[in-house]
Amino acid sequence: KGEHSGRVYMVEKFLSIIKAEDYNKLGDRDIDVIHTQLDERLSANE
C-alpha cells in the first residue's frame, strides 16, 4: 500500500542483473535494459 495515496500496488517482478548473452530472452528483467528504456524520465539532472 502506498501511504501517499492509499492505493494498493502489485509487484510483477523484481529486476535482475542479467548476463549479456541472456539479454534476448531475459532482457525485460534486466535493470540496465529497463533503465535504458526509461532513461531521461528517471532523472531531473540532464
All heavy atoms as atom14 arrays in JSON, in Angstrom:
{
  "sequence": "KGEHSGRVYMVEKFLSIIKAEDYNKLGDRDIDVIHTQLDERLSANE",
  "atom14_mask": [
    [1, 1, 1, 1, 1, 1, 1, 1, 1, 0, 0, 0, 0, 0],
    [1, 1, 1, 1, 0, 0, 0, 0, 0, 0, 0, 0, 0, 0],
    [1, 1, 1, 1, 1, 1, 1, 1, 1, 0, 0, 0, 0, 0],
    [1, 1, 1, 1, 1, 1, 1, 1, 1, 1, 0, 0, 0, 0],
    [1, 1, 1, 1, 1, 1, 0, 0, 0, 0, 0, 0, 0, 0],
    [1, 1, 1, 1, 0, 0, 0, 0, 0, 0, 0, 0, 0, 0],
    [1, 1, 1, 1, 1, 1, 1, 1, 1, 1, 1, 0, 0, 0],
    [1, 1, 1, 1, 1, 1, 1, 0, 0, 0, 0, 0, 0, 0],
    [1, 1, 1, 1, 1, 1, 1, 1, 1, 1, 1, 1, 0, 0],
    [1, 1, 1, 1, 1, 1, 1, 1, 0, 0, 0, 0, 0, 0],
    [1, 1, 1, 1, 1, 1, 1, 0, 0, 0, 0, 0, 0, 0],
    [1, 1, 1, 1, 1, 1, 1, 1, 1, 0, 0, 0, 0, 0],
    [1, 1, 1, 1, 1, 1, 1, 1, 1, 0, 0, 0, 0, 0],
    [1, 1, 1, 1, 1, 1, 1, 1, 1, 1, 1, 0, 0, 0],
    [1, 1, 1, 1, 1, 1, 1, 1, 0, 0, 0, 0, 0, 0],
    [1, 1, 1, 1, 1, 1, 0, 0, 0, 0, 0, 0, 0, 0],
    [1, 1, 1, 1, 1, 1, 1, 1, 0, 0, 0, 0, 0, 0],
    [1, 1, 1, 1, 1, 1, 1, 1, 0, 0, 0, 0, 0, 0],
    [1, 1, 1, 1, 1, 1, 1, 1, 1, 0, 0, 0, 0, 0],
    [1, 1, 1, 1, 1, 0, 0, 0, 0, 0, 0, 0, 0, 0],
    [1, 1, 1, 1, 1, 1, 1, 1, 1, 0, 0, 0, 0, 0],
    [1, 1, 1, 1, 1, 1, 1, 1, 0, 0, 0, 0, 0, 0],
    [1, 1, 1, 1, 1, 1, 1, 1, 1, 1, 1, 1, 0, 0],
    [1, 1, 1, 1, 1, 1, 1, 1, 0, 0, 0, 0, 0, 0],
    [1, 1, 1, 1, 1, 1, 1, 1, 1, 0, 0, 0, 0, 0],
    [1, 1, 1, 1, 1, 1, 1, 1, 0, 0, 0, 0, 0, 0],
    [1, 1, 1, 1, 0, 0, 0, 0, 0, 0, 0, 0, 0, 0],
    [1, 1, 1, 1, 1, 1, 1, 1, 0, 0, 0, 0, 0, 0],
    [1, 1, 1, 1, 1, 1, 1, 1, 1, 1, 1, 0, 0, 0],
    [1, 1, 1, 1, 1, 1, 1, 1, 0, 0, 0, 0, 0, 0],
    [1, 1, 1, 1, 1, 1, 1, 1, 0, 0, 0, 0, 0, 0],
    [1, 1, 1, 1, 1, 1, 1, 1, 0, 0, 0, 0, 0, 0],
    [1, 1, 1, 1, 1, 1, 1, 0, 0, 0, 0, 0, 0, 0],
    [1, 1, 1, 1, 1, 1, 1, 1, 0, 0, 0, 0, 0, 0],
    [1, 1, 1, 1, 1, 1, 1, 1, 1, 1, 0, 0, 0, 0],
    [1, 1, 1, 1, 1, 1, 1, 0, 0, 0, 0, 0, 0, 0],
    [1, 1, 1, 1, 1, 1, 1, 1, 1, 0, 0, 0, 0, 0],
    [1, 1, 1, 1, 1, 1, 1, 1, 0, 0, 0, 0, 0, 0],
    [1, 1, 1, 1, 1, 1, 1, 1, 0, 0, 0, 0, 0, 0],
    [1, 1, 1, 1, 1, 1, 1, 1, 1, 0, 0, 0, 0, 0],
    [1, 1, 1, 1, 1, 1, 1, 1, 1, 1, 1, 0, 0, 0],
    [1, 1, 1, 1, 1, 1, 1, 1, 0, 0, 0, 0, 0, 0],
    [1, 1, 1, 1, 1, 1, 0, 0, 0, 0, 0, 0, 0, 0],
    [1, 1, 1, 1, 1, 0, 0, 0, 0, 0, 0, 0, 0, 0],
    [1, 1, 1, 1, 1, 1, 1, 1, 0, 0, 0, 0, 0, 0],
    [1, 1, 1, 1, 1, 1, 1, 1, 1, 0, 0, 0, 0, 0]
  ],
  "atom14_positions": [
    [[0.85, -1.19, 0.0], [0.0, 0.0, 0.0], [0.88, 1.24, 0.0], [1.8, 1.35, 0.79], [-0.89, -0.01, 1.24], [-1.97, 1.04, 1.22], [-2.92, 0.83, 2.38], [-4.09, 1.77, 2.27], [-5.05, 1.55, 3.34], [0.0, 0.0, 0.0], [0.0, 0.0, 0.0], [0.0, 0.0, 0.0], [0.0, 0.0, 0.0], [0.0, 0.0, 0.0]],
    [[0.6, 2.15, -0.92], [1.3, 3.43, -0.97], [0.68, 4.39, 0.01], [-0.49, 4.74, -0.12], [0.0, 0.0, 0.0], [0.0, 0.0, 0.0], [0.0, 0.0, 0.0], [0.0, 0.0, 0.0], [0.0, 0.0, 0.0], [0.0, 0.0, 0.0], [0.0, 0.0, 0.0], [0.0, 0.0, 0.0], [0.0, 0.0, 0.0], [0.0, 0.0, 0.0]],
    [[1.44, 4.79, 1.03], [0.92, 5.7, 2.06], [0.52, 7.05, 1.47], [-0.39, 7.7, 1.98], [1.97, 5.9, 3.17], [2.28, 4.63, 3.94], [1.07, 4.03, 4.65], [0.25, 4.79, 5.19], [0.95, 2.8, 4.64], [0.0, 0.0, 0.0], [0.0, 0.0, 0.0], [0.0, 0.0, 0.0], [0.0, 0.0, 0.0], [0.0, 0.0, 0.0]],
    [[1.16, 7.46, 0.39], [0.88, 8.75, -0.23], [-0.53, 8.81, -0.83], [-1.13, 9.86, -0.92], [1.91, 9.05, -1.32], [1.9, 8.05, -2.43], [2.53, 6.82, -2.31], [1.34, 8.06, -3.65], [2.34, 6.12, -3.42], [1.63, 6.86, -4.25], [0.0, 0.0, 0.0], [0.0, 0.0, 0.0], [0.0, 0.0, 0.0], [0.0, 0.0, 0.0]],
    [[-1.05, 7.66, -1.24], [-2.33, 7.67, -1.94], [-3.34, 6.68, -1.36], [-4.52, 6.76, -1.69], [-2.11, 7.31, -3.42], [-1.65, 5.97, -3.51], [0.0, 0.0, 0.0], [0.0, 0.0, 0.0], [0.0, 0.0, 0.0], [0.0, 0.0, 0.0], [0.0, 0.0, 0.0], [0.0, 0.0, 0.0], [0.0, 0.0, 0.0], [0.0, 0.0, 0.0]],
    [[-2.86, 5.75, -0.54], [-3.74, 4.69, -0.07], [-3.96, 3.61, -1.13], [-4.66, 2.64, -0.9], [0.0, 0.0, 0.0], [0.0, 0.0, 0.0], [0.0, 0.0, 0.0], [0.0, 0.0, 0.0], [0.0, 0.0, 0.0], [0.0, 0.0, 0.0], [0.0, 0.0, 0.0], [0.0, 0.0, 0.0], [0.0, 0.0, 0.0], [0.0, 0.0, 0.0]],
    [[-3.36, 3.81, -2.28], [-3.5, 2.87, -3.4], [-2.7, 1.59, -3.13], [-1.62, 1.64, -2.56], [-2.99, 3.56, -4.66], [-2.99, 2.7, -5.88], [-2.49, 3.49, -7.08], [-2.14, 2.55, -8.12], [-1.39, 2.84, -9.16], [-0.9, 4.04, -9.3], [-1.11, 1.93, -10.04], [0.0, 0.0, 0.0], [0.0, 0.0, 0.0], [0.0, 0.0, 0.0]],
    [[-3.24, 0.47, -3.56], [-2.52, -0.8, -3.46], [-1.83, -1.06, -4.79], [-2.45, -1.02, -5.85], [-3.47, -1.96, -3.09], [-2.74, -3.29, -3.12], [-4.09, -1.71, -1.71], [0.0, 0.0, 0.0], [0.0, 0.0, 0.0], [0.0, 0.0, 0.0], [0.0, 0.0, 0.0], [0.0, 0.0, 0.0], [0.0, 0.0, 0.0], [0.0, 0.0, 0.0]],
    [[-0.53, -1.31, -4.72], [0.29, -1.62, -5.89], [0.59, -3.11, -5.91], [0.61, -3.76, -4.86], [1.63, -0.87, -5.83], [1.52, 0.62, -5.94], [1.41, 1.41, -4.8], [1.57, 1.25, -7.17], [1.34, 2.79, -4.89], [1.49, 2.63, -7.27], [1.38, 3.39, -6.12], [1.31, 4.76, -6.22], [0.0, 0.0, 0.0], [0.0, 0.0, 0.0]],
    [[0.88, -3.64, -7.1], [1.24, -5.05, -7.23], [2.59, -5.17, -7.94], [2.74, -4.69, -9.07], [0.18, -5.8, -8.04], [0.47, -7.29, -8.11], [-0.78, -8.19, -9.02], [-0.14, -8.0, -10.67], [0.0, 0.0, 0.0], [0.0, 0.0, 0.0], [0.0, 0.0, 0.0], [0.0, 0.0, 0.0], [0.0, 0.0, 0.0], [0.0, 0.0, 0.0]],
    [[3.55, -5.78, -7.26], [4.86, -6.01, -7.86], [4.74, -7.19, -8.81], [4.39, -8.29, -8.4], [5.92, -6.31, -6.77], [7.26, -6.68, -7.42], [6.09, -5.12, -5.84], [0.0, 0.0, 0.0], [0.0, 0.0, 0.0], [0.0, 0.0, 0.0], [0.0, 0.0, 0.0], [0.0, 0.0, 0.0], [0.0, 0.0, 0.0], [0.0, 0.0, 0.0]],
    [[5.02, -6.96, -10.09], [5.01, -8.04, -11.08], [6.27, -8.88, -10.99], [6.22, -10.09, -11.1], [4.87, -7.49, -12.49], [3.51, -6.93, -12.78], [3.35, -6.5, -14.23], [4.33, -6.52, -15.0], [2.23, -6.14, -14.6], [0.0, 0.0, 0.0], [0.0, 0.0, 0.0], [0.0, 0.0, 0.0], [0.0, 0.0, 0.0], [0.0, 0.0, 0.0]],
    [[7.43, -8.19, -10.79], [8.7, -8.91, -10.68], [9.77, -7.97, -10.17], [9.74, -6.76, -10.43], [9.12, -9.5, -12.02], [9.34, -8.46, -13.11], [9.54, -9.11, -14.46], [9.38, -8.09, -15.55], [9.0, -8.64, -16.81], [0.0, 0.0, 0.0], [0.0, 0.0, 0.0], [0.0, 0.0, 0.0], [0.0, 0.0, 0.0], [0.0, 0.0, 0.0]],
    [[10.71, -8.55, -9.44], [11.92, -7.84, -9.09], [12.87, -7.97, -10.27], [12.96, -9.02, -10.91], [12.57, -8.43, -7.83], [11.9, -8.01, -6.56], [10.99, -8.84, -5.94], [12.18, -6.78, -5.99], [10.36, -8.46, -4.77], [11.56, -6.38, -4.82], [10.64, -7.23, -4.21], [0.0, 0.0, 0.0], [0.0, 0.0, 0.0], [0.0, 0.0, 0.0]],
    [[13.58, -6.88, -10.57], [14.52, -6.88, -11.67], [15.83, -7.55, -11.26], [16.09, -7.74, -10.08], [14.76, -5.45, -12.15], [13.51, -4.71, -12.63], [13.84, -3.29, -13.03], [12.82, -5.45, -13.76], [0.0, 0.0, 0.0], [0.0, 0.0, 0.0], [0.0, 0.0, 0.0], [0.0, 0.0, 0.0], [0.0, 0.0, 0.0], [0.0, 0.0, 0.0]],
    [[16.63, -7.89, -12.26], [17.84, -8.7, -12.06], [19.03, -8.07, -12.74], [18.91, -7.13, -13.52], [17.62, -10.09, -12.67], [16.45, -10.69, -12.2], [0.0, 0.0, 0.0], [0.0, 0.0, 0.0], [0.0, 0.0, 0.0], [0.0, 0.0, 0.0], [0.0, 0.0, 0.0], [0.0, 0.0, 0.0], [0.0, 0.0, 0.0], [0.0, 0.0, 0.0]],
    [[20.18, -8.65, -12.46], [21.39, -8.41, -13.24], [21.5, -9.61, -14.18], [21.6, -10.75, -13.71], [22.63, -8.29, -12.34], [22.53, -7.03, -11.47], [23.9, -8.28, -13.19], [23.65, -6.91, -10.44], [0.0, 0.0, 0.0], [0.0, 0.0, 0.0], [0.0, 0.0, 0.0], [0.0, 0.0, 0.0], [0.0, 0.0, 0.0], [0.0, 0.0, 0.0]],
    [[21.44, -9.36, -15.46], [21.44, -10.43, -16.47], [22.78, -10.45, -17.2], [23.33, -9.39, -17.51], [20.29, -10.19, -17.49], [18.94, -10.06, -16.8], [20.27, -11.27, -18.56], [18.45, -11.31, -16.12], [0.0, 0.0, 0.0], [0.0, 0.0, 0.0], [0.0, 0.0, 0.0], [0.0, 0.0, 0.0], [0.0, 0.0, 0.0], [0.0, 0.0, 0.0]],
    [[23.27, -11.63, -17.5], [24.48, -11.75, -18.32], [24.15, -11.31, -19.75], [23.03, -11.55, -20.23], [24.99, -13.2, -18.33], [25.45, -13.68, -16.98], [26.05, -15.06, -17.05], [25.02, -16.09, -17.41], [25.48, -17.46, -17.41], [0.0, 0.0, 0.0], [0.0, 0.0, 0.0], [0.0, 0.0, 0.0], [0.0, 0.0, 0.0], [0.0, 0.0, 0.0]],
    [[25.08, -10.7, -20.42], [24.86, -10.16, -21.77], [24.29, -11.2, -22.73], [23.41, -10.89, -23.54], [26.15, -9.58, -22.34], [0.0, 0.0, 0.0], [0.0, 0.0, 0.0], [0.0, 0.0, 0.0], [0.0, 0.0, 0.0], [0.0, 0.0, 0.0], [0.0, 0.0, 0.0], [0.0, 0.0, 0.0], [0.0, 0.0, 0.0], [0.0, 0.0, 0.0]],
    [[24.75, -12.44, -22.66], [24.26, -13.47, -23.58], [22.8, -13.85, -23.33], [22.18, -14.5, -24.17], [25.15, -14.71, -23.56], [25.25, -15.4, -22.22], [26.46, -14.98, -21.39], [27.01, -13.89, -21.61], [26.83, -15.76, -20.51], [0.0, 0.0, 0.0], [0.0, 0.0, 0.0], [0.0, 0.0, 0.0], [0.0, 0.0, 0.0], [0.0, 0.0, 0.0]],
    [[22.23, -13.41, -22.22], [20.83, -13.74, -21.91], [19.86, -12.58, -22.19], [18.67, -12.68, -21.91], [20.7, -14.17, -20.45], [21.38, -15.51, -20.17], [21.48, -16.32, -21.11], [21.79, -15.73, -19.02], [0.0, 0.0, 0.0], [0.0, 0.0, 0.0], [0.0, 0.0, 0.0], [0.0, 0.0, 0.0], [0.0, 0.0, 0.0], [0.0, 0.0, 0.0]],
    [[20.37, -11.45, -22.71], [19.51, -10.28, -22.93], [18.32, -10.6, -23.83], [17.22, -10.11, -23.6], [20.29, -9.12, -23.53], [21.1, -8.31, -22.54], [22.03, -7.4, -22.97], [20.93, -8.46, -21.17], [22.79, -6.65, -22.06], [21.68, -7.72, -20.26], [22.6, -6.83, -20.72], [23.33, -6.09, -19.83], [0.0, 0.0, 0.0], [0.0, 0.0, 0.0]],
    [[18.52, -11.38, -24.87], [17.42, -11.64, -25.81], [16.23, -12.32, -25.15], [15.1, -12.0, -25.44], [17.91, -12.47, -27.0], [18.75, -11.66, -27.95], [18.69, -10.44, -27.96], [19.56, -12.33, -28.74], [0.0, 0.0, 0.0], [0.0, 0.0, 0.0], [0.0, 0.0, 0.0], [0.0, 0.0, 0.0], [0.0, 0.0, 0.0], [0.0, 0.0, 0.0]],
    [[16.49, -13.26, -24.25], [15.37, -13.96, -23.62], [14.97, -13.4, -22.27], [13.83, -13.6, -21.84], [15.67, -15.46, -23.51], [16.8, -15.83, -22.61], [17.0, -17.33, -22.57], [18.17, -17.64, -21.65], [18.58, -18.98, -21.66], [0.0, 0.0, 0.0], [0.0, 0.0, 0.0], [0.0, 0.0, 0.0], [0.0, 0.0, 0.0], [0.0, 0.0, 0.0]],
    [[15.86, -12.66, -21.6], [15.56, -12.17, -20.25], [15.7, -10.66, -20.1], [15.67, -10.14, -18.99], [16.48, -12.86, -19.23], [16.36, -14.37, -19.1], [17.47, -14.93, -18.21], [14.99, -14.75, -18.57], [0.0, 0.0, 0.0], [0.0, 0.0, 0.0], [0.0, 0.0, 0.0], [0.0, 0.0, 0.0], [0.0, 0.0, 0.0], [0.0, 0.0, 0.0]],
    [[15.85, -9.95, -21.2], [16.08, -8.51, -21.15], [15.03, -7.72, -20.41], [15.32, -6.71, -19.78], [0.0, 0.0, 0.0], [0.0, 0.0, 0.0], [0.0, 0.0, 0.0], [0.0, 0.0, 0.0], [0.0, 0.0, 0.0], [0.0, 0.0, 0.0], [0.0, 0.0, 0.0], [0.0, 0.0, 0.0], [0.0, 0.0, 0.0], [0.0, 0.0, 0.0]],
    [[13.78, -8.19, -20.43], [12.7, -7.47, -19.74], [12.82, -7.57, -18.22], [12.08, -6.94, -17.49], [11.33, -7.97, -20.19], [11.05, -9.41, -19.78], [12.0, -10.21, -19.65], [9.87, -9.73, -19.6], [0.0, 0.0, 0.0], [0.0, 0.0, 0.0], [0.0, 0.0, 0.0], [0.0, 0.0, 0.0], [0.0, 0.0, 0.0], [0.0, 0.0, 0.0]],
    [[13.79, -8.35, -17.73], [14.03, -8.49, -16.29], [15.3, -7.75, -15.85], [15.61, -7.73, -14.67], [14.2, -9.96, -15.92], [12.99, -10.78, -16.15], [13.28, -12.21, -15.78], [12.13, -13.04, -16.04], [11.9, -14.17, -15.42], [12.73, -14.61, -14.51], [10.83, -14.87, -15.7], [0.0, 0.0, 0.0], [0.0, 0.0, 0.0], [0.0, 0.0, 0.0]],
    [[16.05, -7.19, -16.79], [17.36, -6.63, -16.51], [17.29, -5.16, -16.1], [16.65, -4.34, -16.77], [18.26, -6.77, -17.74], [19.67, -6.29, -17.47], [20.35, -6.92, -16.64], [20.06, -5.28, -18.06], [0.0, 0.0, 0.0], [0.0, 0.0, 0.0], [0.0, 0.0, 0.0], [0.0, 0.0, 0.0], [0.0, 0.0, 0.0], [0.0, 0.0, 0.0]],
    [[17.97, -4.83, -15.02], [18.0, -3.45, -14.52], [18.51, -2.5, -15.59], [17.92, -1.44, -15.82], [18.87, -3.35, -13.24], [18.19, -4.12, -12.09], [19.12, -1.9, -12.86], [19.07, -4.33, -10.87], [0.0, 0.0, 0.0], [0.0, 0.0, 0.0], [0.0, 0.0, 0.0], [0.0, 0.0, 0.0], [0.0, 0.0, 0.0], [0.0, 0.0, 0.0]],
    [[19.6, -2.85, -16.26], [20.17, -1.97, -17.29], [19.22, -1.75, -18.45], [19.08, -0.62, -18.95], [21.49, -2.53, -17.82], [22.63, -2.38, -16.83], [22.66, -1.38, -16.1], [23.5, -3.27, -16.81], [0.0, 0.0, 0.0], [0.0, 0.0, 0.0], [0.0, 0.0, 0.0], [0.0, 0.0, 0.0], [0.0, 0.0, 0.0], [0.0, 0.0, 0.0]],
    [[18.58, -2.8, -18.92], [17.65, -2.68, -20.06], [16.49, -1.76, -19.69], [16.14, -0.85, -20.44], [17.14, -4.06, -20.51], [15.99, -3.94, -21.5], [18.28, -4.88, -21.12], [0.0, 0.0, 0.0], [0.0, 0.0, 0.0], [0.0, 0.0, 0.0], [0.0, 0.0, 0.0], [0.0, 0.0, 0.0], [0.0, 0.0, 0.0], [0.0, 0.0, 0.0]],
    [[15.92, -1.97, -18.51], [14.78, -1.14, -18.07], [15.22, 0.3, -17.89], [14.54, 1.23, -18.33], [14.15, -1.7, -16.78], [13.61, -3.12, -17.01], [13.08, -0.76, -16.24], [12.59, -3.27, -18.13], [0.0, 0.0, 0.0], [0.0, 0.0, 0.0], [0.0, 0.0, 0.0], [0.0, 0.0, 0.0], [0.0, 0.0, 0.0], [0.0, 0.0, 0.0]],
    [[16.38, 0.52, -17.26], [16.85, 1.9, -17.07], [17.07, 2.58, -18.41], [16.73, 3.75, -18.59], [18.12, 1.95, -16.23], [18.44, 3.33, -15.76], [19.02, 4.27, -16.57], [18.2, 3.94, -14.58], [19.15, 5.4, -15.91], [18.66, 5.23, -14.69], [0.0, 0.0, 0.0], [0.0, 0.0, 0.0], [0.0, 0.0, 0.0], [0.0, 0.0, 0.0]],
    [[17.62, 1.88, -19.38], [17.84, 2.45, -20.71], [16.52, 2.84, -21.37], [16.41, 3.89, -22.0], [18.61, 1.45, -21.6], [19.88, 1.2, -21.0], [18.82, 2.0, -23.0], [0.0, 0.0, 0.0], [0.0, 0.0, 0.0], [0.0, 0.0, 0.0], [0.0, 0.0, 0.0], [0.0, 0.0, 0.0], [0.0, 0.0, 0.0], [0.0, 0.0, 0.0]],
    [[15.49, 2.02, -21.19], [14.18, 2.32, -21.77], [13.56, 3.57, -21.13], [12.9, 4.36, -21.8], [13.22, 1.15, -21.59], [13.59, -0.05, -22.42], [12.76, -1.28, -22.07], [12.01, -1.3, -21.11], [12.92, -2.33, -22.87], [0.0, 0.0, 0.0], [0.0, 0.0, 0.0], [0.0, 0.0, 0.0], [0.0, 0.0, 0.0], [0.0, 0.0, 0.0]],
    [[13.79, 3.77, -19.83], [13.18, 4.89, -19.12], [14.08, 6.13, -19.11], [13.59, 7.25, -19.0], [12.86, 4.48, -17.67], [11.96, 3.26, -17.52], [11.84, 2.88, -16.05], [10.6, 3.48, -18.14], [0.0, 0.0, 0.0], [0.0, 0.0, 0.0], [0.0, 0.0, 0.0], [0.0, 0.0, 0.0], [0.0, 0.0, 0.0], [0.0, 0.0, 0.0]],
    [[15.36, 5.91, -19.16], [16.44, 6.88, -19.24], [16.14, 8.25, -18.66], [16.07, 8.41, -17.45], [16.91, 6.99, -20.69], [18.31, 7.57, -20.79], [19.05, 7.48, -19.79], [18.66, 8.11, -21.85], [0.0, 0.0, 0.0], [0.0, 0.0, 0.0], [0.0, 0.0, 0.0], [0.0, 0.0, 0.0], [0.0, 0.0, 0.0], [0.0, 0.0, 0.0]],
    [[15.93, 9.27, -19.5], [15.79, 10.63, -19.01], [14.49, 10.89, -18.25], [14.32, 11.95, -17.68], [15.97, 11.67, -20.12], [15.06, 11.56, -21.29], [15.6, 10.64, -22.38], [16.79, 10.42, -22.49], [14.75, 10.13, -23.12], [0.0, 0.0, 0.0], [0.0, 0.0, 0.0], [0.0, 0.0, 0.0], [0.0, 0.0, 0.0], [0.0, 0.0, 0.0]],
    [[13.61, 9.93, -18.18], [12.4, 10.08, -17.37], [12.67, 9.71, -15.9], [11.85, 9.95, -15.05], [11.28, 9.23, -17.94], [10.91, 9.71, -19.36], [9.81, 8.9, -19.97], [8.57, 9.21, -19.28], [7.6, 8.33, -19.09], [7.71, 7.1, -19.53], [6.51, 8.68, -18.46], [0.0, 0.0, 0.0], [0.0, 0.0, 0.0], [0.0, 0.0, 0.0]],
    [[13.86, 9.12, -15.64], [14.23, 8.72, -14.28], [15.09, 9.75, -13.55], [15.45, 9.54, -12.4], [14.99, 7.38, -14.29], [14.16, 6.12, -14.43], [15.07, 4.91, -14.53], [13.19, 5.97, -13.28], [0.0, 0.0, 0.0], [0.0, 0.0, 0.0], [0.0, 0.0, 0.0], [0.0, 0.0, 0.0], [0.0, 0.0, 0.0], [0.0, 0.0, 0.0]],
    [[15.45, 10.83, -14.2], [16.32, 11.82, -13.57], [15.88, 13.23, -13.94], [15.39, 13.46, -15.04], [17.77, 11.61, -14.02], [18.6, 12.58, -13.41], [0.0, 0.0, 0.0], [0.0, 0.0, 0.0], [0.0, 0.0, 0.0], [0.0, 0.0, 0.0], [0.0, 0.0, 0.0], [0.0, 0.0, 0.0], [0.0, 0.0, 0.0], [0.0, 0.0, 0.0]],
    [[16.09, 14.15, -13.0], [15.82, 15.56, -13.27], [17.1, 16.29, -13.66], [17.07, 17.47, -13.98], [15.2, 16.22, -12.04], [0.0, 0.0, 0.0], [0.0, 0.0, 0.0], [0.0, 0.0, 0.0], [0.0, 0.0, 0.0], [0.0, 0.0, 0.0], [0.0, 0.0, 0.0], [0.0, 0.0, 0.0], [0.0, 0.0, 0.0], [0.0, 0.0, 0.0]],
    [[18.22, 15.58, -13.66], [19.52, 16.17, -13.9], [20.04, 15.79, -15.28], [20.52, 14.68, -15.48], [20.49, 15.7, -12.8], [21.86, 16.31, -12.93], [22.19, 16.96, -13.92], [22.68, 16.09, -11.92], [0.0, 0.0, 0.0], [0.0, 0.0, 0.0], [0.0, 0.0, 0.0], [0.0, 0.0, 0.0], [0.0, 0.0, 0.0], [0.0, 0.0, 0.0]],
    [[19.97, 16.71, -16.22], [20.41, 16.44, -17.6], [21.9, 16.15, -17.69], [22.35, 15.48, -18.62], [20.1, 17.65, -18.49], [18.64, 17.88, -18.73], [18.37, 19.05, -19.66], [19.01, 19.09, -20.74], [17.54, 19.89, -19.3], [0.0, 0.0, 0.0], [0.0, 0.0, 0.0], [0.0, 0.0, 0.0], [0.0, 0.0, 0.0], [0.0, 0.0, 0.0]]
  ]
}
